[in-house]
C-alpha atoms as a PDB file:
ATOM      1  CA  MET A   1     -34.945 -25.124 -31.086  1.00  0.00           C
ATOM      2  CA  ALA A   2     -31.304 -24.445 -32.548  1.00  0.00           C
ATOM      3  CA  GLN A   3     -29.855 -21.910 -30.337  1.00  0.00           C
ATOM      4  CA  ASN A   4     -29.599 -25.086 -27.828  1.00  0.00           C
ATOM      5  CA  ASN A   5     -28.619 -27.828 -29.791  1.00  0.00           C
ATOM      6  CA  SER A   6     -25.312 -24.535 -30.164  1.00  0.00           C
ATOM      7  CA  LYS A   7     -25.950 -23.848 -26.322  1.00  0.00           C
ATOM      8  CA  ALA A   8     -25.089 -27.743 -25.764  1.00  0.00           C
ATOM      9  CA  ALA A   9     -22.151 -28.359 -28.160  1.00  0.00           C
ATOM     10  CA  ILE A  10     -20.548 -25.559 -26.417  1.00  0.00           C
ATOM     11  CA  ILE A  11     -21.007 -27.055 -23.398  1.00  0.00           C
ATOM     12  CA  ARG A  12     -19.417 -30.103 -24.479  1.00  0.00           C
ATOM     13  CA  ARG A  13     -17.194 -28.581 -26.252  1.00  0.00           C
ATOM     14  CA  SER A  14     -16.165 -27.045 -22.674  1.00  0.00           C
ATOM     15  CA  HIS A  15     -16.169 -30.252 -21.261  1.00  0.00           C
ATOM     16  CA  THR A  16     -13.978 -32.326 -23.087  1.00  0.00           C
ATOM     17  CA  ILE A  17     -11.573 -28.845 -23.755  1.00  0.00           C
ATOM     18  CA  THR A  18     -11.389 -29.444 -19.688  1.00  0.00           C
ATOM     19  CA  GLU A  19     -11.291 -33.205 -20.025  1.00  0.00           C
ATOM     20  CA  VAL A  20      -8.070 -33.229 -22.388  1.00  0.00           C
ATOM     21  CA  ALA A  21      -6.131 -30.080 -19.851  1.00  0.00           C
ATOM     22  CA  LYS A  22      -6.919 -32.762 -16.763  1.00  0.00           C
ATOM     23  CA  MET A  23      -5.479 -35.252 -18.298  1.00  0.00           C
ATOM     24  CA  LYS A  24      -2.384 -33.117 -20.029  1.00  0.00           C
ATOM     25  CA  LYS A  25      -2.001 -31.941 -16.385  1.00  0.00           C
ATOM     26  CA  LEU A  26      -2.141 -36.338 -15.105  1.00  0.00           C
ATOM     27  CA  ILE A  27       0.774 -37.139 -17.881  1.00  0.00           C
ATOM     28  CA  GLY A  28       2.755 -34.608 -16.581  1.00  0.00           C
ATOM     29  CA  LEU A  29       3.253 -35.910 -12.828  1.00  0.00           C
ATOM     30  CA  ILE A  30       3.078 -39.408 -14.354  1.00  0.00           C
ATOM     31  CA  ILE A  31       6.136 -37.172 -16.457  1.00  0.00           C
ATOM     32  CA  VAL A  32       7.707 -36.789 -13.402  1.00  0.00           C
ATOM     33  CA  SER A  33       7.310 -39.259 -11.249  1.00  0.00           C
ATOM     34  CA  LEU A  34       9.453 -41.139 -13.219  1.00  0.00           C
ATOM     35  CA  PHE A  35      11.662 -38.707 -13.271  1.00  0.00           C
ATOM     36  CA  LEU A  36      11.963 -38.636  -9.692  1.00  0.00           C
ATOM     37  CA  VAL A  37      12.585 -42.221  -9.429  1.00  0.00           C
ATOM     38  CA  GLY A  38      15.097 -42.284 -12.174  1.00  0.00           C
ATOM     39  CA  CYS A  39      16.579 -39.992 -10.220  1.00  0.00           C
ATOM     40  CA  THR A  40      19.906 -41.089  -8.535  1.00  0.00           C
ATOM     41  CA  MET A  41      19.403 -43.693  -4.861  1.00  0.00           C
ATOM     42  CA  LYS A  42      21.731 -42.801  -1.812  1.00  0.00           C
ATOM     43  CA  PRO A  43      22.938 -45.140  -0.630  1.00  0.00           C
ATOM     44  CA  ILE A  44      21.574 -46.696   2.503  1.00  0.00           C
ATOM     45  CA  THR A  45      23.841 -48.163   5.464  1.00  0.00           C
ATOM     46  CA  VAL A  46      23.855 -52.026   6.202  1.00  0.00           C
ATOM     47  CA  ASP A  47      25.191 -53.771   9.189  1.00  0.00           C
ATOM     48  CA  PHE A  48      24.498 -57.331   9.003  1.00  0.00           C
ATOM     49  CA  LYS A  49      24.660 -58.047  12.424  1.00  0.00           C
ATOM     50  CA  LYS A  50      22.333 -54.881  13.574  1.00  0.00           C
ATOM     51  CA  LEU A  51      19.102 -56.093  11.518  1.00  0.00           C
ATOM     52  CA  SER A  52      15.679 -55.466  12.282  1.00  0.00           C
ATOM     53  CA  ARG A  53      13.137 -56.781  10.045  1.00  0.00           C
ATOM     54  CA  PRO A  54      10.208 -54.353   8.558  1.00  0.00           C
ATOM     55  CA  ASP A  55       6.971 -54.977   9.028  1.00  0.00           C
ATOM     56  CA  LYS A  56       6.560 -54.766   4.918  1.00  0.00           C
ATOM     57  CA  PRO A  57       7.339 -58.590   3.114  1.00  0.00           C
ATOM     58  CA  ASN A  58       9.583 -56.938   0.308  1.00  0.00           C
ATOM     59  CA  TRP A  59      12.490 -58.112   2.132  1.00  0.00           C
ATOM     60  CA  TYR A  60      14.406 -61.120   1.496  1.00  0.00           C
ATOM     61  CA  LEU A  61      17.388 -61.692   3.614  1.00  0.00           C
ATOM     62  CA  MET A  62      20.080 -64.353   3.268  1.00  0.00           C
ATOM     63  CA  CYS A  63      22.995 -64.935   5.789  1.00  0.00           C
ATOM     64  CA  PRO A  64      24.677 -68.023   7.406  1.00  0.00           C
ATOM     65  CA  LYS A  65      23.775 -69.770  10.447  1.00  0.00           C
ATOM     66  CA  ASP A  66      24.376 -67.568  13.601  1.00  0.00           C
ATOM     67  CA  PHE A  67      25.653 -64.633  11.161  1.00  0.00           C
ATOM     68  CA  CYS A  68      23.078 -62.049  11.129  1.00  0.00           C
ATOM     69  CA  ASN A  69      20.695 -61.012  14.068  1.00  0.00           C
ATOM     70  CA  THR A  70      17.479 -61.736  12.901  1.00  0.00           C
ATOM     71  CA  LYS A  71      16.261 -64.709  11.223  1.00  0.00           C
ATOM     72  CA  PRO A  72      17.628 -65.440   7.422  1.00  0.00           C
ATOM     73  CA  ASP A  73      14.476 -66.049   4.809  1.00  0.00           C
ATOM     74  CA  LEU A  74      17.637 -68.346   3.288  1.00  0.00           C
ATOM     75  CA  VAL A  75      20.581 -70.299   4.883  1.00  0.00           C
ATOM     76  CA  SER A  76      23.546 -68.974   2.992  1.00  0.00           C
ATOM     77  CA  PRO A  77      26.065 -71.554   0.912  1.00  0.00           C
ATOM     78  CA  CYS A  78      28.958 -72.440   1.832  1.00  0.00           C
ATOM     79  CA  PHE A  79      31.302 -72.403  -1.512  1.00  0.00           C
ATOM     80  CA  GLU A  80      35.031 -74.163  -1.975  1.00  0.00           C
ATOM     81  CA  ALA A  81      36.631 -71.323  -2.740  1.00  0.00           C
ATOM     82  CA  ASN A  82      38.174 -68.432  -0.637  1.00  0.00           C
ATOM     83  CA  GLU A  83      36.852 -65.007  -0.181  1.00  0.00           C
ATOM     84  CA  GLY A  84      38.360 -63.220  -2.999  1.00  0.00           C
ATOM     85  CA  LYS A  85      37.438 -65.988  -6.025  1.00  0.00           C
ATOM     86  CA  LEU A  86      34.406 -65.857  -4.635  1.00  0.00           C
ATOM     87  CA  LYS A  87      33.642 -62.549  -4.732  1.00  0.00           C
ATOM     88  CA  ALA A  88      35.098 -62.056  -8.404  1.00  0.00           C
ATOM     89  CA  ALA A  89      31.940 -65.209  -9.015  1.00  0.00           C
ATOM     90  CA  TRP A  90      29.805 -62.517  -8.002  1.00  0.00           C
ATOM     91  CA  GLU A  91      31.147 -59.349 -10.271  1.00  0.00           C
ATOM     92  CA  ARG A  92      30.509 -62.179 -13.321  1.00  0.00           C
ATOM     93  CA  VAL A  93      27.083 -63.071 -11.810  1.00  0.00           C
ATOM     94  CA  ILE A  94      26.377 -59.626 -11.355  1.00  0.00           C
ATOM     95  CA  ALA A  95      27.560 -57.934 -15.078  1.00  0.00           C
ATOM     96  CA  LYS A  96      24.546 -60.136 -15.784  1.00  0.00           C
ATOM     97  CA  GLU A  97      22.443 -58.694 -14.408  1.00  0.00           C
ATOM     98  CA  PRO A  98      19.816 -56.450 -16.488  1.00  0.00           C
ATOM     99  CA  ARG A  99      19.336 -52.534 -15.520  1.00  0.00           C
ATOM    100  CA  ILE A 100      21.396 -52.538 -12.145  1.00  0.00           C
ATOM    101  CA  SER A 101      24.113 -51.006 -10.776  1.00  0.00           C
ATOM    102  CA  LYS A 102      26.604 -50.387  -7.422  1.00  0.00           C
ATOM    103  CA  ILE A 103      25.601 -48.134  -5.295  1.00  0.00           C
ATOM    104  CA  SER A 104      28.389 -48.011  -2.727  1.00  0.00           C
ATOM    105  CA  GLU A 105      31.184 -50.285  -1.556  1.00  0.00           C
ATOM    106  CA  THR A 106      32.740 -50.580   1.919  1.00  0.00           C
ATOM    107  CA  LYS A 107      35.044 -52.618   2.634  1.00  0.00           C
ATOM    108  CA  GLU A 108      32.212 -55.344   4.370  1.00  0.00           C
ATOM    109  CA  VAL A 109      29.256 -54.045   1.919  1.00  0.00           C
ATOM    110  CA  THR A 110      28.672 -53.652  -1.256  1.00  0.00           C
ATOM    111  CA  GLN A 111      25.330 -51.769  -2.093  1.00  0.00           C
ATOM    112  CA  TYR A 112      23.728 -52.025  -5.989  1.00  0.00           C
ATOM    113  CA  ILE A 113      19.997 -50.378  -7.190  1.00  0.00           C
ATOM    114  CA  GLN A 114      18.817 -52.795  -9.609  1.00  0.00           C
ATOM    115  CA  ARG A 115      15.250 -50.694 -11.494  1.00  0.00           C
ATOM    116  CA  SER A 116      11.889 -52.412 -12.427  1.00  0.00           C
ATOM    117  CA  LEU A 117      11.817 -52.664 -16.486  1.00  0.00           C
ATOM    118  CA  VAL A 118       8.596 -50.562 -17.464  1.00  0.00           C
ATOM    119  CA  PHE A 119       8.697 -47.884 -14.330  1.00  0.00           C
ATOM    120  CA  ARG A 120      12.039 -48.577 -13.469  1.00  0.00           C
ATOM    121  CA  PHE A 121      11.154 -48.686  -9.356  1.00  0.00           C
ATOM    122  CA  PRO A 122      14.444 -49.330  -7.468  1.00  0.00           C
ATOM    123  CA  ASP A 123      15.358 -52.297  -5.339  1.00  0.00           C
ATOM    124  CA  TYR A 124      18.907 -52.073  -3.167  1.00  0.00           C
ATOM    125  CA  LEU A 125      20.772 -55.101  -3.286  1.00  0.00           C
ATOM    126  CA  SER A 126      23.947 -55.454  -0.734  1.00  0.00           C
ATOM    127  CA  VAL A 127      26.230 -57.979  -0.912  1.00  0.00           C
ATOM    128  CA  GLN A 128      28.868 -59.316   1.853  1.00  0.00           C
ATOM    129  CA  PHE A 129      31.482 -61.993   1.881  1.00  0.00           C
ATOM    130  CA  ILE A 130      32.630 -63.678   3.751  1.00  0.00           C
ATOM    131  CA  ALA A 131      35.646 -65.850   4.601  1.00  0.00           C
ATOM    132  CA  LEU A 132      35.182 -69.700   6.566  1.00  0.00           C
ATOM    133  CA  ASN A 133      38.682 -70.199   6.241  1.00  0.00           C
ATOM    134  CA  SER A 134      41.489 -70.400   3.517  1.00  0.00           C
ATOM    135  CA  ASP A 135      39.877 -72.417   1.293  1.00  0.00           C
ATOM    136  CA  GLN A 136      35.766 -71.754   1.975  1.00  0.00           C
ATOM    137  CA  SER A 137      33.687 -68.797   1.930  1.00  0.00           C
ATOM    138  CA  THR A 138      29.798 -67.887   2.158  1.00  0.00           C
ATOM    139  CA  LEU A 139      28.086 -64.137   1.656  1.00  0.00           C
ATOM    140  CA  ALA A 140      24.998 -62.140   2.968  1.00  0.00           C
ATOM    141  CA  LEU A 141      22.678 -60.979   0.588  1.00  0.00           C
ATOM    142  CA  LEU A 142      19.374 -58.864   1.562  1.00  0.00           C
ATOM    143  CA  SER A 143      17.160 -57.643  -1.859  1.00  0.00           C
ATOM    144  CA  PHE A 144      14.620 -54.949  -0.679  1.00  0.00           C
ATOM    145  CA  SER A 145      11.923 -52.817  -2.515  1.00  0.00           C
ATOM    146  CA  LYS A 146      12.717 -49.266  -1.671  1.00  0.00           C
ATOM    147  CA  TYR A 147       8.593 -48.696  -2.163  1.00  0.00           C
ATOM    148  CA  GLY A 148       5.653 -50.515  -1.893  1.00  0.00           C
ATOM    149  CA  HIS A 149       4.231 -52.985   0.227  1.00  0.00           C
ATOM    150  CA  SER A 150       4.806 -55.980  -1.218  1.00  0.00           C
ATOM    151  CA  ASP A 151       7.032 -56.955  -4.242  1.00  0.00           C
ATOM    152  CA  PHE A 152       5.238 -60.234  -5.500  1.00  0.00           C
ATOM    153  CA  GLY A 153       8.336 -62.508  -5.043  1.00  0.00           C
ATOM    154  CA  VAL A 154      11.110 -60.367  -6.531  1.00  0.00           C
ATOM    155  CA  ASN A 155      13.201 -60.000  -3.826  1.00  0.00           C
ATOM    156  CA  LYS A 156      13.027 -63.610  -3.181  1.00  0.00           C
ATOM    157  CA  ASP A 157      14.014 -64.303  -7.264  1.00  0.00           C
ATOM    158  CA  ARG A 158      16.825 -62.167  -7.612  1.00  0.00           C
ATOM    159  CA  VAL A 159      18.834 -64.195  -4.547  1.00  0.00           C
ATOM    160  CA  ASP A 160      17.585 -67.169  -5.591  1.00  0.00           C
ATOM    161  CA  ARG A 161      19.407 -66.674  -9.175  1.00  0.00           C
ATOM    162  CA  LEU A 162      22.317 -64.894  -7.890  1.00  0.00           C
ATOM    163  CA  VAL A 163      22.993 -68.107  -5.881  1.00  0.00           C
ATOM    164  CA  LYS A 164      22.187 -70.287  -8.489  1.00  0.00           C
ATOM    165  CA  ASN A 165      24.473 -68.723 -11.069  1.00  0.00           C
ATOM    166  CA  ILE A 166      27.313 -68.928  -8.305  1.00  0.00           C
ATOM    167  CA  LYS A 167      27.062 -72.062  -8.257  1.00  0.00           C
ATOM    168  CA  GLY A 168      27.319 -72.688 -11.937  1.00  0.00           C
ATOM    169  CA  LEU A 169      30.793 -71.113 -11.508  1.00  0.00           C
ATOM    170  CA  LEU A 170      32.116 -72.343  -8.314  1.00  0.00           C
ATOM    171  CA  PRO A 171      32.004 -76.387  -6.092  1.00  0.00           C
ATOM    172  CA  VAL A 172      29.450 -75.961  -3.024  1.00  0.00           C
ATOM    173  CA  CYS A 173      31.001 -77.354   0.061  1.00  0.00           C
ATOM    174  CA  ARG A 174      30.161 -80.678   1.169  1.00  0.00           C
ATOM    175  CA  GLY A 175      29.041 -82.043   4.389  1.00  0.00           C
END
C-alpha cells in the first residue's frame, strides 16, 4: 500500500513539473509577443483620394465632403483658421494624447501610432490638412487598428475626441 502511495505521489509530482514547464513556455510566448507588438511600426501609405474600405469594422474615416473617394463615417468640420493655424492647433491637441508617436510625415499626410494601455496594440492615425481658402481649412483623419477584427469603437472615439479638442481651440465655420 505504501508503495502505491509513493508511486501516486511521484506521478502527481511529475504532472506538476510538466504543468509548470508548460506554464513557463506560455509565459515566455506572451512576453515575446508583447515585445514584438512593442516594436517599431512602419508607416502605411495613406492617400485619402484612393482609400478602399476594409471588410473589418476597426476603421474610422473623417473626410471633407467630396474629398475622399469612399464614403466617410463623419464629414469633417470647417474651421475659421488657415491651414497653418489648424495644424498648430492639431499639434497642441495630439501632444496631449497618451502613448502616441509620429512615425512619418510627407507633404500631404502625417502618420502616428497610438498604442493601447495594457497590451500596447498599435492603432494608426493619419491626418491631412486641407486649405479651403485663405481663412478657412479642414482636415481628413483616418484611424484604424493594425490587429483584430473589431476595435470596440476606439477609433471613432479617438477621432471624436481629437475633433472636439480642436473645436475647443478654433472656431468652426458658420453656415
